[in-house]
Amino acid sequence: MKIATPVDAAGQSAHAWGRAHWVAVAEVKDAAIEGWQVHEVSWDVLHDSTTHGSHHARVVTFLKDHGIQAIVVDHVGEGMQRMLSTMGIPLLPASPGDAQASVLAAVRGATS
């Protein structure tokens, strides 16, 4: 399963999805992370540079390009929630601290 989560420069869980500066993509199999890539998306900078529709399209492109199947996150705005729901991408709760541990905890919680 491919999961995206916002992270900070130190690899910790970041608060918001649509204004993330970095997004990690985790490949999770059998409750273990088999791959982890951090992408500098700069959505924090780009968020207010265009319309909400353009920003959402930018996020959709990232999700499709990376085959994302779920997002582990603490906060997502209402418009983004609707867009993700339409795409069939579930939102799983993030936990503070290490982002990889947060992804694994969210996956365990979703499958139990």
Protein backbone atom coordinates (compact mmCIF):
# COMPACT_ATOMS: atom_id res chain seq x y z
CA MET A 1 0.00 0.00 0.00
CA LYS A 2 1.30 3.47 -0.87
CA ILE A 3 0.67 6.07 1.81
CA ALA A 4 1.48 9.78 1.84
CA THR A 5 2.06 11.88 4.94
CA PRO A 6 3.26 15.44 5.49
CA VAL A 7 6.64 15.63 7.21
CA ASP A 8 9.05 18.26 8.45
CA ALA A 9 12.76 18.54 7.70
CA ALA A 10 13.59 16.24 10.63
CA GLY A 11 11.26 13.42 9.51
CA GLN A 12 8.61 14.21 12.09
CA SER A 13 4.87 14.27 11.37
CA ALA A 14 3.81 17.69 10.11
CA HIS A 15 0.44 19.23 10.90
CA ALA A 16 -1.32 20.14 7.67
CA TRP A 17 -1.74 18.41 4.32
CA GLY A 18 -2.55 21.17 1.82
CA ARG A 19 0.16 23.46 3.17
CA ALA A 20 2.87 20.82 3.57
CA HIS A 21 6.37 21.67 2.49
CA TRP A 22 7.48 18.03 2.34
CA VAL A 23 5.42 14.89 1.76
CA ALA A 24 6.77 11.41 2.41
CA VAL A 25 5.54 8.46 0.38
CA ALA A 26 5.71 5.16 2.23
CA GLU A 27 5.37 1.73 0.69
CA VAL A 28 3.87 -0.44 3.42
CA LYS A 29 3.66 -4.21 3.20
CA ASP A 30 2.90 -6.67 5.98
CA ALA A 31 2.86 -3.88 8.59
CA ALA A 32 6.40 -2.77 7.67
CA ILE A 33 7.75 0.16 5.67
CA GLU A 34 9.56 -1.18 2.62
CA GLY A 35 10.18 2.16 0.95
CA TRP A 36 10.27 5.80 2.09
CA GLN A 37 10.80 8.82 -0.14
CA VAL A 38 10.47 12.45 0.88
CA HIS A 39 9.33 14.92 -1.79
CA GLU A 40 9.67 18.69 -1.49
CA VAL A 41 6.23 19.75 -2.75
CA SER A 42 6.31 23.35 -1.41
CA TRP A 43 2.52 23.44 -1.04
CA ASP A 44 2.99 25.87 1.85
CA VAL A 45 4.42 28.41 -0.60
CA LEU A 46 2.22 27.50 -3.57
CA HIS A 47 -1.10 27.34 -1.66
CA ASP A 48 -1.94 31.03 -1.94
CA SER A 49 -0.22 31.64 -5.29
CA THR A 50 -3.20 30.33 -7.31
CA THR A 51 -6.87 29.45 -6.86
CA HIS A 52 -8.02 26.65 -4.57
CA GLY A 53 -9.01 24.66 -7.66
CA SER A 54 -5.51 24.96 -9.12
CA HIS A 55 -3.97 24.00 -5.81
CA HIS A 56 -6.24 20.96 -5.49
CA ALA A 57 -5.32 19.95 -9.05
CA ARG A 58 -1.63 20.14 -8.08
CA VAL A 59 -2.30 17.81 -5.12
CA VAL A 60 -4.35 15.42 -7.29
CA THR A 61 -1.47 15.22 -9.78
CA PHE A 62 0.95 14.32 -6.98
CA LEU A 63 -1.41 11.65 -5.63
CA LYS A 64 -1.97 10.08 -9.04
CA ASP A 65 1.69 10.28 -10.08
CA HIS A 66 2.70 8.40 -6.91
CA GLY A 67 -0.20 5.93 -6.79
CA ILE A 68 -1.25 7.06 -3.30
CA GLN A 69 -3.88 4.84 -1.67
CA ALA A 70 -4.23 6.57 1.73
CA ILE A 71 -3.05 9.68 3.56
CA VAL A 72 -1.88 9.82 7.17
CA VAL A 73 -2.49 13.35 8.40
CA ASP A 74 -3.50 15.47 11.37
CA HIS A 75 -5.45 18.19 9.52
CA VAL A 76 -7.15 18.54 6.12
CA GLY A 77 -9.44 21.41 5.11
CA GLU A 78 -13.05 20.73 4.12
CA GLY A 79 -12.55 21.29 0.39
CA MET A 80 -9.54 18.99 0.31
CA GLN A 81 -11.48 16.38 2.33
CA ARG A 82 -14.24 16.40 -0.31
CA MET A 83 -11.71 16.06 -3.11
CA LEU A 84 -9.94 13.14 -1.42
CA SER A 85 -13.27 11.46 -0.68
CA THR A 86 -14.23 11.77 -4.34
CA MET A 87 -10.92 10.12 -5.25
CA GLY A 88 -11.60 7.31 -2.78
CA ILE A 89 -8.47 8.09 -0.76
CA PRO A 90 -9.01 7.51 2.96
CA LEU A 91 -7.60 9.80 5.63
CA LEU A 92 -5.93 7.97 8.50
CA PRO A 93 -5.04 9.74 11.77
CA ALA A 94 -1.47 10.87 12.25
CA SER A 95 0.32 10.75 15.57
CA PRO A 96 2.97 13.23 16.72
CA GLY A 97 6.63 12.38 16.51
CA ASP A 98 8.41 10.14 14.04
CA ALA A 99 6.48 10.12 10.74
CA GLN A 100 7.34 6.51 9.88
CA ALA A 101 6.02 5.35 13.26
CA SER A 102 2.90 7.46 12.65
CA VAL A 103 2.28 5.73 9.30
CA LEU A 104 2.68 2.28 10.84
CA ALA A 105 0.37 3.14 13.75
CA ALA A 106 -2.27 4.45 11.34
CA VAL A 107 -2.09 1.30 9.20
CA ARG A 108 -2.37 -0.93 12.26
CA GLY A 109 -5.38 1.08 13.44
CA ALA A 110 -7.06 0.88 10.03
CA THR A 111 -6.69 -2.91 9.78
CA SER A 112 -7.72 -3.81 13.31
